[in-house]
Amino acid sequence: MRYAYGLTIPQTIEDACDPGRMALIIYDMQVGIVRQIPDGERITEACVRLRDVAREKGFRVFYTRHMSIPVAAAGVSQLRTAMEWQRVDDPSQVHAPFPQGSPQYQLVPELEPGPNEVVFDKITMSAFAATPLDIALRDLGIDSFAIAGIALEVGIDPTVRHATDLGYLPIMVTDACGAGHQEAAERAYATLAFAGGSRTTDTATLIKLMNRG
């Protein structure tokens, strides 16, 4: 920890890992997403371990959930992105993979939010784009967060980039972050490390730090 100009500046995971300044974000652990990842069950187990310790030690827990807008109500970028992901050239062939209320849209049962936990729906990759997450964290005085979930190369990467621009210290829990494309995930980790402003750790290390108090 460093102190200057009346500010407290966390630099390390140890500095940040305090329930007064760090939250846990569980990213898009939905039925229809987890089943696309070969090690989805292992990622679920790691997220549950982190969530349970966070609850016990008083760290705030937030969940994100990806939502598909009905195709006829979708805008230009939503349709363009869907066409690319679904590999179709005709917008009329696009389908909504995660409509609200559908089975695949729901969080996996093991990660059912508790009564004091919040789920934010989003239609973007960054969890901070057009959601209340930034306001909610700032209102709590939180300036760092650990993030786990799926998928690192598609959604967690842009969330971490966005967070650093917003002034947060994001901490990626590498063995609790799943990926659909391992090479892309490794490139994302390397680029984030080069850019600076974020940190990486593993589940066991973070749990040990969370249990300090």
C-alpha atoms as a PDB file:
ATOM      1  CA  MET A   1       0.000   0.000   0.000  1.00  0.00           C
ATOM      2  CA  ARG A   2       1.194   3.499  -0.777  1.00  0.00           C
ATOM      3  CA  TYR A   3       0.024   6.809   0.674  1.00  0.00           C
ATOM      4  CA  ALA A   4       0.308  10.169  -1.057  1.00  0.00           C
ATOM      5  CA  TYR A   5      -1.594  13.467  -1.202  1.00  0.00           C
ATOM      6  CA  GLY A   6      -4.119  12.202   1.312  1.00  0.00           C
ATOM      7  CA  LEU A   7      -4.809   9.086  -0.782  1.00  0.00           C
ATOM      8  CA  THR A   8      -4.488   5.396  -0.013  1.00  0.00           C
ATOM      9  CA  ILE A   9      -3.245   3.579  -3.123  1.00  0.00           C
ATOM     10  CA  PRO A  10      -3.667  -0.219  -3.207  1.00  0.00           C
ATOM     11  CA  GLN A  11      -1.052  -1.816  -5.458  1.00  0.00           C
ATOM     12  CA  THR A  12      -1.265  -5.512  -4.726  1.00  0.00           C
ATOM     13  CA  ILE A  13      -3.963  -8.124  -4.316  1.00  0.00           C
ATOM     14  CA  GLU A  14      -3.127  -8.175  -0.619  1.00  0.00           C
ATOM     15  CA  ASP A  15      -3.778  -4.433  -0.452  1.00  0.00           C
ATOM     16  CA  ALA A  16      -7.100  -4.710  -2.264  1.00  0.00           C
ATOM     17  CA  CYS A  17      -8.457  -7.802  -0.525  1.00  0.00           C
ATOM     18  CA  ASP A  18     -10.565  -6.130   2.121  1.00  0.00           C
ATOM     19  CA  PRO A  19     -14.381  -6.320   2.329  1.00  0.00           C
ATOM     20  CA  GLY A  20     -14.472  -2.546   2.661  1.00  0.00           C
ATOM     21  CA  ARG A  21     -12.904  -2.004  -0.733  1.00  0.00           C
ATOM     22  CA  MET A  22     -13.201  -5.225  -2.797  1.00  0.00           C
ATOM     23  CA  ALA A  23     -16.250  -7.031  -4.187  1.00  0.00           C
ATOM     24  CA  LEU A  24     -16.635 -10.344  -5.989  1.00  0.00           C
ATOM     25  CA  ILE A  25     -18.157 -10.278  -9.481  1.00  0.00           C
ATOM     26  CA  ILE A  26     -19.386 -13.576 -10.931  1.00  0.00           C
ATOM     27  CA  TYR A  27     -19.641 -13.091 -14.665  1.00  0.00           C
ATOM     28  CA  ASP A  28     -22.335 -14.754 -16.836  1.00  0.00           C
ATOM     29  CA  MET A  29     -22.440 -18.155 -15.141  1.00  0.00           C
ATOM     30  CA  GLN A  30     -25.613 -19.035 -17.018  1.00  0.00           C
ATOM     31  CA  VAL A  31     -26.925 -22.470 -17.914  1.00  0.00           C
ATOM     32  CA  GLY A  32     -26.595 -21.850 -21.653  1.00  0.00           C
ATOM     33  CA  ILE A  33     -23.056 -20.496 -21.339  1.00  0.00           C
ATOM     34  CA  VAL A  34     -21.536 -22.866 -18.795  1.00  0.00           C
ATOM     35  CA  ARG A  35     -22.518 -25.891 -20.869  1.00  0.00           C
ATOM     36  CA  GLN A  36     -20.559 -24.522 -23.852  1.00  0.00           C
ATOM     37  CA  ILE A  37     -17.264 -24.693 -21.942  1.00  0.00           C
ATOM     38  CA  PRO A  38     -15.506 -28.082 -21.621  1.00  0.00           C
ATOM     39  CA  ASP A  39     -14.519 -27.407 -18.003  1.00  0.00           C
ATOM     40  CA  GLY A  40     -17.704 -25.567 -17.093  1.00  0.00           C
ATOM     41  CA  GLU A  41     -18.295 -27.781 -14.058  1.00  0.00           C
ATOM     42  CA  ARG A  42     -14.839 -26.997 -12.666  1.00  0.00           C
ATOM     43  CA  ILE A  43     -15.357 -23.261 -13.196  1.00  0.00           C
ATOM     44  CA  THR A  44     -18.715 -23.500 -11.441  1.00  0.00           C
ATOM     45  CA  GLU A  45     -17.110 -25.218  -8.458  1.00  0.00           C
ATOM     46  CA  ALA A  46     -14.404 -22.535  -8.228  1.00  0.00           C
ATOM     47  CA  CYS A  47     -17.010 -19.755  -8.388  1.00  0.00           C
ATOM     48  CA  VAL A  48     -19.026 -21.434  -5.640  1.00  0.00           C
ATOM     49  CA  ARG A  49     -15.944 -21.660  -3.410  1.00  0.00           C
ATOM     50  CA  LEU A  50     -15.200 -17.959  -3.934  1.00  0.00           C
ATOM     51  CA  ARG A  51     -18.836 -16.970  -3.425  1.00  0.00           C
ATOM     52  CA  ASP A  52     -19.142 -18.956  -0.206  1.00  0.00           C
ATOM     53  CA  VAL A  53     -16.028 -17.411   1.326  1.00  0.00           C
ATOM     54  CA  ALA A  54     -17.102 -13.943   0.181  1.00  0.00           C
ATOM     55  CA  ARG A  55     -20.430 -14.417   1.947  1.00  0.00           C
ATOM     56  CA  GLU A  56     -18.769 -15.667   5.104  1.00  0.00           C
ATOM     57  CA  LYS A  57     -16.237 -12.840   5.251  1.00  0.00           C
ATOM     58  CA  GLY A  58     -18.535  -9.966   4.319  1.00  0.00           C
ATOM     59  CA  PHE A  59     -17.422  -9.247   0.750  1.00  0.00           C
ATOM     60  CA  ARG A  60     -20.217  -7.960  -1.489  1.00  0.00           C
ATOM     61  CA  VAL A  61     -21.186 -10.340  -4.321  1.00  0.00           C
ATOM     62  CA  PHE A  62     -22.554  -9.219  -7.678  1.00  0.00           C
ATOM     63  CA  TYR A  63     -23.602 -11.391 -10.621  1.00  0.00           C
ATOM     64  CA  THR A  64     -23.936 -10.512 -14.285  1.00  0.00           C
ATOM     65  CA  ARG A  65     -26.244 -12.212 -16.742  1.00  0.00           C
ATOM     66  CA  HIS A  66     -26.296 -11.845 -20.519  1.00  0.00           C
ATOM     67  CA  MET A  67     -29.690 -11.102 -22.005  1.00  0.00           C
ATOM     68  CA  SER A  68     -30.754 -11.336 -25.648  1.00  0.00           C
ATOM     69  CA  ILE A  69     -33.097  -8.691 -26.980  1.00  0.00           C
ATOM     70  CA  PRO A  70     -35.861 -10.183 -29.162  1.00  0.00           C
ATOM     71  CA  VAL A  71     -34.587 -10.145 -32.735  1.00  0.00           C
ATOM     72  CA  ALA A  72     -37.342  -7.865 -34.026  1.00  0.00           C
ATOM     73  CA  ALA A  73     -36.505  -5.342 -31.281  1.00  0.00           C
ATOM     74  CA  ALA A  74     -32.721  -5.547 -31.680  1.00  0.00           C
ATOM     75  CA  GLY A  75     -30.694  -2.669 -33.048  1.00  0.00           C
ATOM     76  CA  VAL A  76     -27.922  -2.454 -35.599  1.00  0.00           C
ATOM     77  CA  SER A  77     -24.994  -3.442 -33.384  1.00  0.00           C
ATOM     78  CA  GLN A  78     -26.969  -6.211 -31.717  1.00  0.00           C
ATOM     79  CA  LEU A  79     -27.886  -7.714 -35.078  1.00  0.00           C
ATOM     80  CA  ARG A  80     -24.393  -7.302 -36.500  1.00  0.00           C
ATOM     81  CA  THR A  81     -22.831  -8.990 -33.468  1.00  0.00           C
ATOM     82  CA  ALA A  82     -25.398 -11.801 -33.555  1.00  0.00           C
ATOM     83  CA  MET A  83     -24.742 -12.375 -37.263  1.00  0.00           C
ATOM     84  CA  GLU A  84     -21.013 -12.677 -36.597  1.00  0.00           C
ATOM     85  CA  TRP A  85     -21.383 -14.970 -33.604  1.00  0.00           C
ATOM     86  CA  GLN A  86     -23.998 -17.146 -35.300  1.00  0.00           C
ATOM     87  CA  ARG A  87     -22.119 -17.089 -38.639  1.00  0.00           C
ATOM     88  CA  VAL A  88     -25.048 -16.026 -40.785  1.00  0.00           C
ATOM     89  CA  ASP A  89     -25.210 -13.296 -43.431  1.00  0.00           C
ATOM     90  CA  ASP A  90     -28.936 -12.599 -43.309  1.00  0.00           C
ATOM     91  CA  PRO A  91     -30.330 -10.768 -40.229  1.00  0.00           C
ATOM     92  CA  SER A  92     -33.585 -12.674 -40.638  1.00  0.00           C
ATOM     93  CA  GLN A  93     -31.686 -15.880 -39.796  1.00  0.00           C
ATOM     94  CA  VAL A  94     -30.530 -14.561 -36.427  1.00  0.00           C
ATOM     95  CA  HIS A  95     -32.038 -16.041 -33.263  1.00  0.00           C
ATOM     96  CA  ALA A  96     -31.991 -14.733 -29.671  1.00  0.00           C
ATOM     97  CA  PRO A  97     -29.877 -17.249 -27.707  1.00  0.00           C
ATOM     98  CA  PHE A  98     -30.572 -15.916 -24.190  1.00  0.00           C
ATOM     99  CA  PRO A  99     -34.090 -14.472 -24.037  1.00  0.00           C
ATOM    100  CA  GLN A 100     -35.206 -13.305 -20.607  1.00  0.00           C
ATOM    101  CA  GLY A 101     -36.845 -16.072 -18.618  1.00  0.00           C
ATOM    102  CA  SER A 102     -35.550 -18.910 -20.793  1.00  0.00           C
ATOM    103  CA  PRO A 103     -33.800 -21.900 -19.152  1.00  0.00           C
ATOM    104  CA  GLN A 104     -30.464 -21.064 -20.783  1.00  0.00           C
ATOM    105  CA  TYR A 105     -30.633 -17.456 -19.537  1.00  0.00           C
ATOM    106  CA  GLN A 106     -30.785 -18.498 -15.872  1.00  0.00           C
ATOM    107  CA  LEU A 107     -27.730 -18.688 -13.628  1.00  0.00           C
ATOM    108  CA  VAL A 108     -26.647 -22.251 -12.859  1.00  0.00           C
ATOM    109  CA  PRO A 109     -28.456 -23.540  -9.739  1.00  0.00           C
ATOM    110  CA  GLU A 110     -25.238 -23.777  -7.723  1.00  0.00           C
ATOM    111  CA  LEU A 111     -24.842 -20.009  -8.020  1.00  0.00           C
ATOM    112  CA  GLU A 112     -28.341 -18.937  -7.072  1.00  0.00           C
ATOM    113  CA  PRO A 113     -27.938 -15.433  -5.603  1.00  0.00           C
ATOM    114  CA  GLY A 114     -28.645 -14.925  -1.938  1.00  0.00           C
ATOM    115  CA  PRO A 115     -31.117 -12.346  -0.595  1.00  0.00           C
ATOM    116  CA  ASN A 116     -28.350  -9.764  -0.132  1.00  0.00           C
ATOM    117  CA  GLU A 117     -26.789 -10.288  -3.568  1.00  0.00           C
ATOM    118  CA  VAL A 118     -27.549  -8.571  -6.844  1.00  0.00           C
ATOM    119  CA  VAL A 119     -27.823  -9.726 -10.469  1.00  0.00           C
ATOM    120  CA  PHE A 120     -27.377  -7.176 -13.266  1.00  0.00           C
ATOM    121  CA  ASP A 121     -28.607  -8.053 -16.745  1.00  0.00           C
ATOM    122  CA  LYS A 122     -26.662  -6.712 -19.718  1.00  0.00           C
ATOM    123  CA  ILE A 123     -26.692  -6.788 -23.508  1.00  0.00           C
ATOM    124  CA  THR A 124     -23.014  -5.879 -23.839  1.00  0.00           C
ATOM    125  CA  MET A 125     -19.751  -7.677 -23.164  1.00  0.00           C
ATOM    126  CA  SER A 126     -18.456  -5.207 -20.571  1.00  0.00           C
ATOM    127  CA  ALA A 127     -20.339  -5.584 -17.307  1.00  0.00           C
ATOM    128  CA  PHE A 128     -20.009  -1.814 -16.865  1.00  0.00           C
ATOM    129  CA  ALA A 129     -21.674  -0.784 -20.140  1.00  0.00           C
ATOM    130  CA  ALA A 130     -25.245   0.429 -19.549  1.00  0.00           C
ATOM    131  CA  THR A 131     -25.641  -1.417 -16.234  1.00  0.00           C
ATOM    132  CA  PRO A 132     -25.844  -0.022 -12.669  1.00  0.00           C
ATOM    133  CA  LEU A 133     -22.676  -1.889 -11.633  1.00  0.00           C
ATOM    134  CA  ASP A 134     -20.349   1.125 -11.531  1.00  0.00           C
ATOM    135  CA  ILE A 135     -22.825   3.210  -9.526  1.00  0.00           C
ATOM    136  CA  ALA A 136     -23.482   0.333  -7.123  1.00  0.00           C
ATOM    137  CA  LEU A 137     -19.778  -0.279  -6.450  1.00  0.00           C
ATOM    138  CA  ARG A 138     -18.899   3.391  -6.038  1.00  0.00           C
ATOM    139  CA  ASP A 139     -21.807   3.931  -3.663  1.00  0.00           C
ATOM    140  CA  LEU A 140     -20.294   1.230  -1.448  1.00  0.00           C
ATOM    141  CA  GLY A 141     -16.842   2.803  -1.557  1.00  0.00           C
ATOM    142  CA  ILE A 142     -15.494  -0.203  -3.459  1.00  0.00           C
ATOM    143  CA  ASP A 143     -12.511   0.469  -5.718  1.00  0.00           C
ATOM    144  CA  SER A 144     -11.402  -3.069  -6.602  1.00  0.00           C
ATOM    145  CA  PHE A 145     -13.015  -6.377  -7.424  1.00  0.00           C
ATOM    146  CA  ALA A 146     -12.194 -10.011  -8.036  1.00  0.00           C
ATOM    147  CA  ILE A 147     -13.848 -11.441 -11.124  1.00  0.00           C
ATOM    148  CA  ALA A 148     -14.607 -15.039 -12.061  1.00  0.00           C
ATOM    149  CA  GLY A 149     -16.885 -16.708 -14.591  1.00  0.00           C
ATOM    150  CA  ILE A 150     -17.218 -17.236 -18.322  1.00  0.00           C
ATOM    151  CA  ALA A 151     -15.867 -16.303 -20.794  1.00  0.00           C
ATOM    152  CA  LEU A 152     -12.481 -14.720 -20.240  1.00  0.00           C
ATOM    153  CA  GLU A 153     -11.685 -13.909 -23.850  1.00  0.00           C
ATOM    154  CA  VAL A 154     -15.147 -12.589 -24.739  1.00  0.00           C
ATOM    155  CA  GLY A 155     -16.584 -10.821 -21.717  1.00  0.00           C
ATOM    156  CA  ILE A 156     -14.202 -10.710 -18.772  1.00  0.00           C
ATOM    157  CA  ASP A 157     -11.421  -9.155 -20.858  1.00  0.00           C
ATOM    158  CA  PRO A 158     -13.525  -6.125 -21.954  1.00  0.00           C
ATOM    159  CA  THR A 159     -14.955  -5.810 -18.441  1.00  0.00           C
ATOM    160  CA  VAL A 160     -11.445  -5.597 -16.978  1.00  0.00           C
ATOM    161  CA  ARG A 161     -10.324  -3.088 -19.615  1.00  0.00           C
ATOM    162  CA  HIS A 162     -13.381  -0.944 -18.968  1.00  0.00           C
ATOM    163  CA  ALA A 163     -12.863  -1.178 -15.214  1.00  0.00           C
ATOM    164  CA  THR A 164      -9.294   0.107 -15.376  1.00  0.00           C
ATOM    165  CA  ASP A 165     -10.486   3.140 -17.328  1.00  0.00           C
ATOM    166  CA  LEU A 166     -13.093   3.716 -14.607  1.00  0.00           C
ATOM    167  CA  GLY A 167     -10.386   3.658 -11.935  1.00  0.00           C
ATOM    168  CA  TYR A 168     -10.876   0.192 -10.445  1.00  0.00           C
ATOM    169  CA  LEU A 169      -8.220  -2.405  -9.656  1.00  0.00           C
ATOM    170  CA  PRO A 170      -9.622  -5.600 -11.243  1.00  0.00           C
ATOM    171  CA  ILE A 171      -8.329  -8.993 -10.125  1.00  0.00           C
ATOM    172  CA  MET A 172      -8.876 -11.961 -12.436  1.00  0.00           C
ATOM    173  CA  VAL A 173      -9.080 -15.327 -10.685  1.00  0.00           C
ATOM    174  CA  THR A 174      -7.483 -17.358 -13.445  1.00  0.00           C
ATOM    175  CA  ASP A 175      -8.569 -20.856 -12.442  1.00  0.00           C
ATOM    176  CA  ALA A 176     -12.130 -19.591 -11.929  1.00  0.00           C
ATOM    177  CA  CYS A 177     -12.339 -17.937 -15.365  1.00  0.00           C
ATOM    178  CA  GLY A 178     -13.454 -20.225 -18.170  1.00  0.00           C
ATOM    179  CA  ALA A 179     -12.720 -19.771 -21.855  1.00  0.00           C
ATOM    180  CA  GLY A 180     -14.181 -21.131 -25.037  1.00  0.00           C
ATOM    181  CA  HIS A 181     -10.946 -20.532 -26.944  1.00  0.00           C
ATOM    182  CA  GLN A 182      -7.823 -21.108 -24.866  1.00  0.00           C
ATOM    183  CA  GLU A 183      -5.389 -19.395 -27.225  1.00  0.00           C
ATOM    184  CA  ALA A 184      -7.554 -16.281 -27.311  1.00  0.00           C
ATOM    185  CA  ALA A 185      -7.736 -16.348 -23.513  1.00  0.00           C
ATOM    186  CA  GLU A 186      -3.947 -16.562 -23.231  1.00  0.00           C
ATOM    187  CA  ARG A 187      -3.593 -13.609 -25.617  1.00  0.00           C
ATOM    188  CA  ALA A 188      -6.061 -11.643 -23.509  1.00  0.00           C
ATOM    189  CA  TYR A 189      -4.117 -12.330 -20.316  1.00  0.00           C
ATOM    190  CA  ALA A 190      -0.849 -11.341 -22.011  1.00  0.00           C
ATOM    191  CA  THR A 191      -2.271  -8.103 -23.395  1.00  0.00           C
ATOM    192  CA  LEU A 192      -3.834  -7.133 -20.074  1.00  0.00           C
ATOM    193  CA  ALA A 193      -0.539  -7.822 -18.294  1.00  0.00           C
ATOM    194  CA  PHE A 194       1.295  -5.652 -20.818  1.00  0.00           C
ATOM    195  CA  ALA A 195      -1.208  -2.807 -20.454  1.00  0.00           C
ATOM    196  CA  GLY A 196      -1.069  -2.903 -16.656  1.00  0.00           C
ATOM    197  CA  GLY A 197      -3.722  -1.837 -14.188  1.00  0.00           C
ATOM    198  CA  SER A 198      -5.121  -5.299 -13.438  1.00  0.00           C
ATOM    199  CA  ARG A 199      -3.919  -8.300 -11.452  1.00  0.00           C
ATOM    200  CA  THR A 200      -4.219 -12.083 -11.615  1.00  0.00           C
ATOM    201  CA  THR A 201      -4.411 -14.686  -8.873  1.00  0.00           C
ATOM    202  CA  ASP A 202      -5.830 -18.159  -8.274  1.00  0.00           C
ATOM    203  CA  THR A 203      -8.724 -19.361  -6.154  1.00  0.00           C
ATOM    204  CA  ALA A 204      -6.651 -20.810  -3.314  1.00  0.00           C
ATOM    205  CA  THR A 205      -4.534 -17.678  -2.941  1.00  0.00           C
ATOM    206  CA  LEU A 206      -7.503 -15.330  -2.984  1.00  0.00           C
ATOM    207  CA  ILE A 207      -9.447 -17.444  -0.495  1.00  0.00           C
ATOM    208  CA  LYS A 208      -6.446 -17.416   1.836  1.00  0.00           C
ATOM    209  CA  LEU A 209      -6.348 -13.617   1.654  1.00  0.00           C
ATOM    210  CA  MET A 210     -10.101 -13.301   2.116  1.00  0.00           C
ATOM    211  CA  ASN A 211      -9.854 -15.446   5.237  1.00  0.00           C
ATOM    212  CA  ARG A 212      -7.275 -13.187   6.881  1.00  0.00           C
ATOM    213  CA  GLY A 213      -9.895 -11.310   8.849  1.00  0.00           C
END
